[in-house]
């Protein structure tokens, strides 16, 4: 039985760091703010909505040098418009890109 309140497979951590993202197969890179991270998923703030099921590549760029950056392949599971016109994108991590 899971012992944390969320009953998730992985604990979700609140983060505040930069993230870059691009559509699979595209070279156009956009920037946003990563808001949460877990072993199975990520959420971030973007300037546009993305369709559920869309494949993307993200690179999470921590603010300190102690934590290394992480690049992952994700699949969008939710896109929610925020009050300021930005979008919160929630995605499942499909794989971590090696160095």
PDB file of N, CA and C in Angstrom:
ATOM      1  N   UNK A   1       0.840  -1.177   0.000  1.00  0.00           N
ATOM      2  CA  UNK A   1       0.000   0.000   0.000  1.00  0.00           C
ATOM      3  C   UNK A   1       0.885   1.241   0.000  1.00  0.00           C
ATOM      4  N   UNK A   2       0.472   2.265  -0.745  1.00  0.00           N
ATOM      5  CA  UNK A   2       1.226   3.500  -0.809  1.00  0.00           C
ATOM      6  C   UNK A   2       1.044   4.291   0.475  1.00  0.00           C
ATOM      7  N   UNK A   3       2.133   4.888   0.954  1.00  0.00           N
ATOM      8  CA  UNK A   3       2.064   5.565   2.237  1.00  0.00           C
ATOM      9  C   UNK A   3       1.881   7.073   2.126  1.00  0.00           C
ATOM     10  N   UNK A   4       2.048   7.653   0.962  1.00  0.00           N
ATOM     11  CA  UNK A   4       1.873   9.100   0.858  1.00  0.00           C
ATOM     12  C   UNK A   4       0.432   9.442   0.484  1.00  0.00           C
ATOM     13  N   UNK A   5       0.037  10.665   0.782  1.00  0.00           N
ATOM     14  CA  UNK A   5      -1.355  11.094   0.659  1.00  0.00           C
ATOM     15  C   UNK A   5      -1.917  11.036  -0.752  1.00  0.00           C
ATOM     16  N   UNK A   6      -1.106  11.271  -1.762  1.00  0.00           N
ATOM     17  CA  UNK A   6      -1.620  11.353  -3.117  1.00  0.00           C
ATOM     18  C   UNK A   6      -1.997  10.005  -3.709  1.00  0.00           C
ATOM     19  N   UNK A   7      -1.513   8.919  -3.149  1.00  0.00           N
ATOM     20  CA  UNK A   7      -1.778   7.568  -3.654  1.00  0.00           C
ATOM     21  C   UNK A   7      -1.260   7.394  -5.080  1.00  0.00           C
ATOM     22  N   UNK A   8      -0.152   8.025  -5.375  1.00  0.00           N
ATOM     23  CA  UNK A   8       0.487   7.917  -6.680  1.00  0.00           C
ATOM     24  C   UNK A   8       1.645   6.942  -6.577  1.00  0.00           C
ATOM     25  N   UNK A   9       2.091   6.473  -7.730  1.00  0.00           N
ATOM     26  CA  UNK A   9       3.254   5.591  -7.757  1.00  0.00           C
ATOM     27  C   UNK A   9       4.533   6.346  -7.391  1.00  0.00           C
ATOM     28  N   UNK A  10       4.573   7.637  -7.713  1.00  0.00           N
ATOM     29  CA  UNK A  10       5.738   8.469  -7.419  1.00  0.00           C
ATOM     30  C   UNK A  10       5.261   9.761  -6.751  1.00  0.00           C
ATOM     31  N   UNK A  11       6.010  10.226  -5.781  1.00  0.00           N
ATOM     32  CA  UNK A  11       5.687  11.480  -5.115  1.00  0.00           C
ATOM     33  C   UNK A  11       5.959  12.631  -6.070  1.00  0.00           C
ATOM     34  N   UNK A  12       5.036  13.576  -6.138  1.00  0.00           N
ATOM     35  CA  UNK A  12       5.180  14.749  -6.986  1.00  0.00           C
ATOM     36  C   UNK A  12       5.888  15.841  -6.192  1.00  0.00           C
ATOM     37  N   UNK A  13       6.923  16.436  -6.786  1.00  0.00           N
ATOM     38  CA  UNK A  13       7.670  17.514  -6.142  1.00  0.00           C
ATOM     39  C   UNK A  13       7.347  18.828  -6.837  1.00  0.00           C
ATOM     40  N   UNK A  14       7.101  19.862  -6.044  1.00  0.00           N
ATOM     41  CA  UNK A  14       6.968  21.201  -6.605  1.00  0.00           C
ATOM     42  C   UNK A  14       8.364  21.702  -6.954  1.00  0.00           C
ATOM     43  N   UNK A  15       8.508  22.221  -8.149  1.00  0.00           N
ATOM     44  CA  UNK A  15       9.791  22.776  -8.584  1.00  0.00           C
ATOM     45  C   UNK A  15       9.535  24.140  -9.213  1.00  0.00           C
ATOM     46  N   UNK A  16      10.574  24.902  -9.332  1.00  0.00           N
ATOM     47  CA  UNK A  16      10.501  26.210  -9.987  1.00  0.00           C
ATOM     48  C   UNK A  16      11.797  26.387 -10.755  1.00  0.00           C
ATOM     49  N   UNK A  17      11.799  25.923 -11.994  1.00  0.00           N
ATOM     50  CA  UNK A  17      12.999  26.033 -12.806  1.00  0.00           C
ATOM     51  C   UNK A  17      12.609  26.166 -14.274  1.00  0.00           C
ATOM     52  N   UNK A  18      13.579  26.544 -15.080  1.00  0.00           N
ATOM     53  CA  UNK A  18      13.336  26.694 -16.507  1.00  0.00           C
ATOM     54  C   UNK A  18      13.199  25.338 -17.174  1.00  0.00           C
ATOM     55  N   UNK A  19      12.450  25.328 -18.263  1.00  0.00           N
ATOM     56  CA  UNK A  19      12.291  24.127 -19.068  1.00  0.00           C
ATOM     57  C   UNK A  19      12.284  24.561 -20.534  1.00  0.00           C
ATOM     58  N   UNK A  20      12.893  23.760 -21.387  1.00  0.00           N
ATOM     59  CA  UNK A  20      12.753  23.964 -22.822  1.00  0.00           C
ATOM     60  C   UNK A  20      11.940  22.796 -23.355  1.00  0.00           C
ATOM     61  N   UNK A  21      11.169  23.059 -24.403  1.00  0.00           N
ATOM     62  CA  UNK A  21      10.342  22.000 -24.969  1.00  0.00           C
ATOM     63  C   UNK A  21      10.236  22.174 -26.475  1.00  0.00           C
ATOM     64  N   UNK A  22      10.098  21.042 -27.149  1.00  0.00           N
ATOM     65  CA  UNK A  22       9.890  21.064 -28.592  1.00  0.00           C
ATOM     66  C   UNK A  22       9.070  19.852 -28.985  1.00  0.00           C
ATOM     67  N   UNK A  23       8.337  20.002 -30.058  1.00  0.00           N
ATOM     68  CA  UNK A  23       7.545  18.896 -30.574  1.00  0.00           C
ATOM     69  C   UNK A  23       8.471  17.828 -31.129  1.00  0.00           C
ATOM     70  N   UNK A  24       8.062  16.575 -31.034  1.00  0.00           N
ATOM     71  CA  UNK A  24       8.862  15.475 -31.582  1.00  0.00           C
ATOM     72  C   UNK A  24       9.085  15.725 -33.063  1.00  0.00           C
ATOM     73  N   UNK A  25      10.315  15.602 -33.497  1.00  0.00           N
ATOM     74  CA  UNK A  25      10.648  15.789 -34.901  1.00  0.00           C
ATOM     75  C   UNK A  25      10.834  17.230 -35.328  1.00  0.00           C
ATOM     76  N   UNK A  26      10.720  18.174 -34.397  1.00  0.00           N
ATOM     77  CA  UNK A  26      10.864  19.590 -34.707  1.00  0.00           C
ATOM     78  C   UNK A  26      12.176  20.113 -34.145  1.00  0.00           C
ATOM     79  N   UNK A  27      12.689  21.164 -34.750  1.00  0.00           N
ATOM     80  CA  UNK A  27      13.899  21.791 -34.213  1.00  0.00           C
ATOM     81  C   UNK A  27      13.580  23.103 -33.491  1.00  0.00           C
ATOM     82  N   UNK A  28      12.330  23.546 -33.546  1.00  0.00           N
ATOM     83  CA  UNK A  28      11.922  24.789 -32.883  1.00  0.00           C
ATOM     84  C   UNK A  28      11.807  24.572 -31.381  1.00  0.00           C
ATOM     85  N   UNK A  29      12.637  25.274 -30.610  1.00  0.00           N
ATOM     86  CA  UNK A  29      12.673  25.122 -29.158  1.00  0.00           C
ATOM     87  C   UNK A  29      11.984  26.316 -28.506  1.00  0.00           C
ATOM     88  N   UNK A  30      11.111  26.023 -27.534  1.00  0.00           N
ATOM     89  CA  UNK A  30      10.409  27.036 -26.760  1.00  0.00           C
ATOM     90  C   UNK A  30      10.826  26.922 -25.297  1.00  0.00           C
ATOM     91  N   UNK A  31      10.594  27.978 -24.530  1.00  0.00           N
ATOM     92  CA  UNK A  31      10.936  27.945 -23.113  1.00  0.00           C
ATOM     93  C   UNK A  31       9.695  28.138 -22.257  1.00  0.00           C
ATOM     94  N   UNK A  32       9.764  27.604 -21.048  1.00  0.00           N
ATOM     95  CA  UNK A  32       8.674  27.722 -20.099  1.00  0.00           C
ATOM     96  C   UNK A  32       9.199  27.568 -18.689  1.00  0.00           C
ATOM     97  N   UNK A  33       8.283  27.368 -17.735  1.00  0.00           N
ATOM     98  CA  UNK A  33       8.632  27.156 -16.328  1.00  0.00           C
ATOM     99  C   UNK A  33       8.105  25.808 -15.879  1.00  0.00           C
ATOM    100  N   UNK A  34       8.978  24.968 -15.370  1.00  0.00           N
ATOM    101  CA  UNK A  34       8.589  23.670 -14.823  1.00  0.00           C
ATOM    102  C   UNK A  34       7.989  23.919 -13.444  1.00  0.00           C
ATOM    103  N   UNK A  35       6.827  23.296 -13.172  1.00  0.00           N
ATOM    104  CA  UNK A  35       6.144  23.521 -11.897  1.00  0.00           C
ATOM    105  C   UNK A  35       6.124  22.296 -10.998  1.00  0.00           C
ATOM    106  N   UNK A  36       5.993  21.101 -11.563  1.00  0.00           N
ATOM    107  CA  UNK A  36       6.058  19.871 -10.767  1.00  0.00           C
ATOM    108  C   UNK A  36       6.796  18.795 -11.548  1.00  0.00           C
ATOM    109  N   UNK A  37       7.359  17.859 -10.793  1.00  0.00           N
ATOM    110  CA  UNK A  37       8.119  16.765 -11.385  1.00  0.00           C
ATOM    111  C   UNK A  37       7.965  15.537 -10.507  1.00  0.00           C
ATOM    112  N   UNK A  38       7.789  14.384 -11.141  1.00  0.00           N
ATOM    113  CA  UNK A  38       7.772  13.117 -10.412  1.00  0.00           C
ATOM    114  C   UNK A  38       8.497  12.087 -11.265  1.00  0.00           C
ATOM    115  N   UNK A  39       8.577  10.876 -10.772  1.00  0.00           N
ATOM    116  CA  UNK A  39       9.216   9.816 -11.538  1.00  0.00           C
ATOM    117  C   UNK A  39       8.442   9.419 -12.776  1.00  0.00           C
ATOM    118  N   UNK A  40       7.179   9.807 -12.842  1.00  0.00           N
ATOM    119  CA  UNK A  40       6.336   9.408 -13.962  1.00  0.00           C
ATOM    120  C   UNK A  40       5.816  10.564 -14.800  1.00  0.00           C
ATOM    121  N   UNK A  41       5.971  11.809 -14.319  1.00  0.00           N
ATOM    122  CA  UNK A  41       5.393  12.906 -15.067  1.00  0.00           C
ATOM    123  C   UNK A  41       5.993  14.252 -14.738  1.00  0.00           C
ATOM    124  N   UNK A  42       5.551  15.239 -15.512  1.00  0.00           N
ATOM    125  CA  UNK A  42       6.039  16.604 -15.375  1.00  0.00           C
ATOM    126  C   UNK A  42       4.900  17.554 -15.735  1.00  0.00           C
ATOM    127  N   UNK A  43       4.903  18.736 -15.120  1.00  0.00           N
ATOM    128  CA  UNK A  43       3.996  19.781 -15.568  1.00  0.00           C
ATOM    129  C   UNK A  43       4.793  21.064 -15.704  1.00  0.00           C
ATOM    130  N   UNK A  44       4.372  21.873 -16.676  1.00  0.00           N
ATOM    131  CA  UNK A  44       5.081  23.113 -16.931  1.00  0.00           C
ATOM    132  C   UNK A  44       4.127  24.141 -17.521  1.00  0.00           C
ATOM    133  N   UNK A  45       4.551  25.400 -17.467  1.00  0.00           N
ATOM    134  CA  UNK A  45       3.777  26.504 -18.010  1.00  0.00           C
ATOM    135  C   UNK A  45       4.319  26.824 -19.399  1.00  0.00           C
ATOM    136  N   UNK A  46       3.394  26.891 -20.367  1.00  0.00           N
ATOM    137  CA  UNK A  46       3.736  27.180 -21.761  1.00  0.00           C
ATOM    138  C   UNK A  46       2.874  28.334 -22.264  1.00  0.00           C
ATOM    139  N   UNK A  47       3.242  28.882 -23.400  1.00  0.00           N
ATOM    140  CA  UNK A  47       2.486  29.998 -23.966  1.00  0.00           C
ATOM    141  C   UNK A  47       1.341  29.533 -24.846  1.00  0.00           C
ATOM    142  N   UNK A  48       1.255  28.237 -25.121  1.00  0.00           N
ATOM    143  CA  UNK A  48       0.182  27.716 -25.967  1.00  0.00           C
ATOM    144  C   UNK A  48      -0.293  26.365 -25.455  1.00  0.00           C
ATOM    145  N   UNK A  49      -1.480  25.978 -25.890  1.00  0.00           N
ATOM    146  CA  UNK A  49      -2.042  24.672 -25.534  1.00  0.00           C
ATOM    147  C   UNK A  49      -1.471  23.613 -26.473  1.00  0.00           C
ATOM    148  N   UNK A  50      -1.439  22.373 -26.003  1.00  0.00           N
ATOM    149  CA  UNK A  50      -1.018  21.247 -26.830  1.00  0.00           C
ATOM    150  C   UNK A  50      -2.064  20.139 -26.716  1.00  0.00           C
ATOM    151  N   UNK A  51      -2.290  19.427 -27.804  1.00  0.00           N
ATOM    152  CA  UNK A  51      -3.275  18.354 -27.836  1.00  0.00           C
ATOM    153  C   UNK A  51      -2.836  17.171 -26.985  1.00  0.00           C
ATOM    154  N   UNK A  52      -3.807  16.540 -26.340  1.00  0.00           N
ATOM    155  CA  UNK A  52      -3.557  15.318 -25.578  1.00  0.00           C
ATOM    156  C   UNK A  52      -2.993  14.264 -26.538  1.00  0.00           C
ATOM    157  N   UNK A  53      -1.957  13.562 -26.085  1.00  0.00           N
ATOM    158  CA  UNK A  53      -1.321  12.526 -26.898  1.00  0.00           C
ATOM    159  C   UNK A  53      -0.129  13.007 -27.695  1.00  0.00           C
ATOM    160  N   UNK A  54       0.094  14.321 -27.737  1.00  0.00           N
ATOM    161  CA  UNK A  54       1.207  14.883 -28.491  1.00  0.00           C
ATOM    162  C   UNK A  54       2.539  14.484 -27.856  1.00  0.00           C
ATOM    163  N   UNK A  55       3.493  14.063 -28.667  1.00  0.00           N
ATOM    164  CA  UNK A  55       4.828  13.693 -28.194  1.00  0.00           C
ATOM    165  C   UNK A  55       5.743  14.910 -28.241  1.00  0.00           C
ATOM    166  N   UNK A  56       6.504  15.092 -27.172  1.00  0.00           N
ATOM    167  CA  UNK A  56       7.424  16.223 -27.065  1.00  0.00           C
ATOM    168  C   UNK A  56       8.721  15.781 -26.414  1.00  0.00           C
ATOM    169  N   UNK A  57       9.738  16.617 -26.555  1.00  0.00           N
ATOM    170  CA  UNK A  57      10.996  16.449 -25.834  1.00  0.00           C
ATOM    171  C   UNK A  57      11.164  17.662 -24.941  1.00  0.00           C
ATOM    172  N   UNK A  58      11.471  17.439 -23.665  1.00  0.00           N
ATOM    173  CA  UNK A  58      11.682  18.537 -22.721  1.00  0.00           C
ATOM    174  C   UNK A  58      13.059  18.413 -22.086  1.00  0.00           C
ATOM    175  N   UNK A  59      13.630  19.552 -21.736  1.00  0.00           N
ATOM    176  CA  UNK A  59      14.871  19.598 -20.969  1.00  0.00           C
ATOM    177  C   UNK A  59      14.633  20.474 -19.757  1.00  0.00           C
ATOM    178  N   UNK A  60      14.780  19.885 -18.589  1.00  0.00           N
ATOM    179  CA  UNK A  60      14.573  20.588 -17.327  1.00  0.00           C
ATOM    180  C   UNK A  60      15.926  21.114 -16.869  1.00  0.00           C
ATOM    181  N   UNK A  61      15.981  22.407 -16.586  1.00  0.00           N
ATOM    182  CA  UNK A  61      17.235  23.088 -16.286  1.00  0.00           C
ATOM    183  C   UNK A  61      17.216  23.601 -14.852  1.00  0.00           C
ATOM    184  N   UNK A  62      17.737  22.812 -13.885  1.00  0.00           N
ATOM    185  CA  UNK A  62      17.719  23.212 -12.475  1.00  0.00           C
ATOM    186  C   UNK A  62      18.469  24.524 -12.249  1.00  0.00           C
ATOM    187  N   UNK A  63      18.092  25.226 -11.178  1.00  0.00           N
ATOM    188  CA  UNK A  63      18.716  26.510 -10.861  1.00  0.00           C
ATOM    189  C   UNK A  63      20.097  26.361 -10.238  1.00  0.00           C
ATOM    190  N   UNK A  64      20.376  25.202  -9.657  1.00  0.00           N
ATOM    191  CA  UNK A  64      21.691  25.029  -9.024  1.00  0.00           C
ATOM    192  C   UNK A  64      22.517  24.006  -9.800  1.00  0.00           C
ATOM    193  N   UNK A  65      23.822  24.053  -9.579  1.00  0.00           N
ATOM    194  CA  UNK A  65      24.756  23.176 -10.286  1.00  0.00           C
ATOM    195  C   UNK A  65      24.816  21.776  -9.674  1.00  0.00           C
ATOM    196  N   UNK A  66      24.226  21.597  -8.501  1.00  0.00           N
ATOM    197  CA  UNK A  66      24.268  20.305  -7.825  1.00  0.00           C
ATOM    198  C   UNK A  66      23.403  19.279  -8.562  1.00  0.00           C
ATOM    199  N   UNK A  67      22.248  19.724  -9.049  1.00  0.00           N
ATOM    200  CA  UNK A  67      21.326  18.835  -9.759  1.00  0.00           C
ATOM    201  C   UNK A  67      21.587  18.937 -11.258  1.00  0.00           C
ATOM    202  N   UNK A  68      21.852  17.823 -11.920  1.00  0.00           N
ATOM    203  CA  UNK A  68      22.109  17.887 -13.359  1.00  0.00           C
ATOM    204  C   UNK A  68      20.822  18.118 -14.149  1.00  0.00           C
ATOM    205  N   UNK A  69      20.932  18.697 -15.350  1.00  0.00           N
ATOM    206  CA  UNK A  69      19.751  18.853 -16.192  1.00  0.00           C
ATOM    207  C   UNK A  69      19.236  17.482 -16.634  1.00  0.00           C
ATOM    208  N   UNK A  70      17.963  17.427 -17.001  1.00  0.00           N
ATOM    209  CA  UNK A  70      17.369  16.171 -17.448  1.00  0.00           C
ATOM    210  C   UNK A  70      16.613  16.423 -18.749  1.00  0.00           C
ATOM    211  N   UNK A  71      16.809  15.551 -19.715  1.00  0.00           N
ATOM    212  CA  UNK A  71      16.055  15.606 -20.964  1.00  0.00           C
ATOM    213  C   UNK A  71      15.201  14.356 -21.036  1.00  0.00           C
ATOM    214  N   UNK A  72      13.927  14.543 -21.366  1.00  0.00           N
ATOM    215  CA  UNK A  72      12.989  13.416 -21.388  1.00  0.00           C
ATOM    216  C   UNK A  72      12.048  13.526 -22.582  1.00  0.00           C
ATOM    217  N   UNK A  73      11.524  12.388 -22.975  1.00  0.00           N
ATOM    218  CA  UNK A  73      10.483  12.332 -23.995  1.00  0.00           C
ATOM    219  C   UNK A  73       9.164  12.164 -23.251  1.00  0.00           C
ATOM    220  N   UNK A  74       8.183  13.010 -23.583  1.00  0.00           N
ATOM    221  CA  UNK A  74       6.928  13.038 -22.843  1.00  0.00           C
ATOM    222  C   UNK A  74       5.732  12.923 -23.777  1.00  0.00           C
ATOM    223  N   UNK A  75       4.577  12.634 -23.181  1.00  0.00           N
ATOM    224  CA  UNK A  75       3.308  12.630 -23.898  1.00  0.00           C
ATOM    225  C   UNK A  75       2.322  13.500 -23.119  1.00  0.00           C
ATOM    226  N   UNK A  76       1.742  14.477 -23.783  1.00  0.00           N
ATOM    227  CA  UNK A  76       0.817  15.406 -23.149  1.00  0.00           C
ATOM    228  C   UNK A  76      -0.445  14.662 -22.702  1.00  0.00           C
ATOM    229  N   UNK A  77      -0.841  14.889 -21.442  1.00  0.00           N
ATOM    230  CA  UNK A  77      -2.070  14.288 -20.914  1.00  0.00           C
ATOM    231  C   UNK A  77      -3.128  15.341 -20.575  1.00  0.00           C
ATOM    232  N   UNK A  78      -2.703  16.618 -20.443  1.00  0.00           N
ATOM    233  CA  UNK A  78      -3.667  17.670 -20.105  1.00  0.00           C
ATOM    234  C   UNK A  78      -3.063  19.022 -20.459  1.00  0.00           C
ATOM    235  N   UNK A  79      -3.919  19.937 -20.889  1.00  0.00           N
ATOM    236  CA  UNK A  79      -3.517  21.298 -21.210  1.00  0.00           C
ATOM    237  C   UNK A  79      -4.624  22.223 -20.684  1.00  0.00           C
ATOM    238  N   UNK A  80      -4.308  23.035 -19.673  1.00  0.00           N
ATOM    239  CA  UNK A  80      -5.324  23.851 -19.000  1.00  0.00           C
ATOM    240  C   UNK A  80      -4.939  25.329 -19.075  1.00  0.00           C
ATOM    241  N   UNK A  81      -5.850  26.141 -19.617  1.00  0.00           N
ATOM    242  CA  UNK A  81      -5.605  27.583 -19.713  1.00  0.00           C
ATOM    243  C   UNK A  81      -5.633  28.197 -18.321  1.00  0.00           C
ATOM    244  N   UNK A  82      -4.654  29.063 -18.050  1.00  0.00           N
ATOM    245  CA  UNK A  82      -4.533  29.753 -16.776  1.00  0.00           C
ATOM    246  C   UNK A  82      -5.121  31.156 -16.893  1.00  0.00           C
ATOM    247  N   UNK A  83      -5.335  31.810 -15.776  1.00  0.00           N
ATOM    248  CA  UNK A  83      -5.930  33.139 -15.751  1.00  0.00           C
ATOM    249  C   UNK A  83      -5.126  34.190 -16.494  1.00  0.00           C
ATOM    250  N   UNK A  84      -3.810  34.007 -16.578  1.00  0.00           N
ATOM    251  CA  UNK A  84      -2.963  34.990 -17.250  1.00  0.00           C
ATOM    252  C   UNK A  84      -2.797  34.717 -18.746  1.00  0.00           C
ATOM    253  N   UNK A  85      -3.517  33.711 -19.268  1.00  0.00           N
ATOM    254  CA  UNK A  85      -3.439  33.394 -20.688  1.00  0.00           C
ATOM    255  C   UNK A  85      -2.421  32.322 -21.041  1.00  0.00           C
ATOM    256  N   UNK A  86      -1.592  31.931 -20.074  1.00  0.00           N
ATOM    257  CA  UNK A  86      -0.642  30.841 -20.314  1.00  0.00           C
ATOM    258  C   UNK A  86      -1.376  29.508 -20.156  1.00  0.00           C
ATOM    259  N   UNK A  87      -0.668  28.414 -20.378  1.00  0.00           N
ATOM    260  CA  UNK A  87      -1.256  27.075 -20.263  1.00  0.00           C
ATOM    261  C   UNK A  87      -0.401  26.205 -19.361  1.00  0.00           C
ATOM    262  N   UNK A  88      -1.056  25.465 -18.474  1.00  0.00           N
ATOM    263  CA  UNK A  88      -0.352  24.458 -17.688  1.00  0.00           C
ATOM    264  C   UNK A  88      -0.446  23.154 -18.467  1.00  0.00           C
ATOM    265  N   UNK A  89       0.710  22.615 -18.818  1.00  0.00           N
ATOM    266  CA  UNK A  89       0.796  21.378 -19.577  1.00  0.00           C
ATOM    267  C   UNK A  89       1.206  20.268 -18.618  1.00  0.00           C
ATOM    268  N   UNK A  90       0.428  19.207 -18.554  1.00  0.00           N
ATOM    269  CA  UNK A  90       0.772  18.030 -17.751  1.00  0.00           C
ATOM    270  C   UNK A  90       1.089  16.903 -18.724  1.00  0.00           C
ATOM    271  N   UNK A  91       2.137  16.159 -18.426  1.00  0.00           N
ATOM    272  CA  UNK A  91       2.569  15.111 -19.340  1.00  0.00           C
ATOM    273  C   UNK A  91       3.153  13.927 -18.592  1.00  0.00           C
ATOM    274  N   UNK A  92       3.050  12.765 -19.205  1.00  0.00           N
ATOM    275  CA  UNK A  92       3.688  11.579 -18.636  1.00  0.00           C
ATOM    276  C   UNK A  92       5.063  11.427 -19.289  1.00  0.00           C
ATOM    277  N   UNK A  93       6.024  11.017 -18.484  1.00  0.00           N
ATOM    278  CA  UNK A  93       7.381  10.792 -18.985  1.00  0.00           C
ATOM    279  C   UNK A  93       7.417   9.401 -19.600  1.00  0.00           C
ATOM    280  N   UNK A  94       7.783   9.337 -20.855  1.00  0.00           N
ATOM    281  CA  UNK A  94       7.870   8.053 -21.569  1.00  0.00           C
ATOM    282  C   UNK A  94       9.266   7.470 -21.496  1.00  0.00           C
ATOM    283  N   UNK A  95      10.286   8.319 -21.537  1.00  0.00           N
ATOM    284  CA  UNK A  95      11.672   7.856 -21.385  1.00  0.00           C
ATOM    285  C   UNK A  95      12.576   9.038 -21.092  1.00  0.00           C
ATOM    286  N   UNK A  96      13.705   8.726 -20.484  1.00  0.00           N
ATOM    287  CA  UNK A  96      14.735   9.729 -20.179  1.00  0.00           C
ATOM    288  C   UNK A  96      15.821   9.578 -21.224  1.00  0.00           C
ATOM    289  N   UNK A  97      16.232  10.700 -21.788  1.00  0.00           N
ATOM    290  CA  UNK A  97      17.266  10.696 -22.818  1.00  0.00           C
ATOM    291  C   UNK A  97      18.639  10.606 -22.142  1.00  0.00           C
ATOM    292  N   UNK A  98      19.448   9.672 -22.575  1.00  0.00           N
ATOM    293  CA  UNK A  98      20.795   9.516 -22.038  1.00  0.00           C
ATOM    294  C   UNK A  98      21.731  10.571 -22.573  1.00  0.00           C
ATOM    295  N   UNK A  99      22.884  10.707 -21.911  1.00  0.00           N
ATOM    296  CA  UNK A  99      23.873  11.717 -22.353  1.00  0.00           C
ATOM    297  C   UNK A  99      24.529  11.332 -23.624  1.00  0.00           C
TER     298      UNK A  99
END
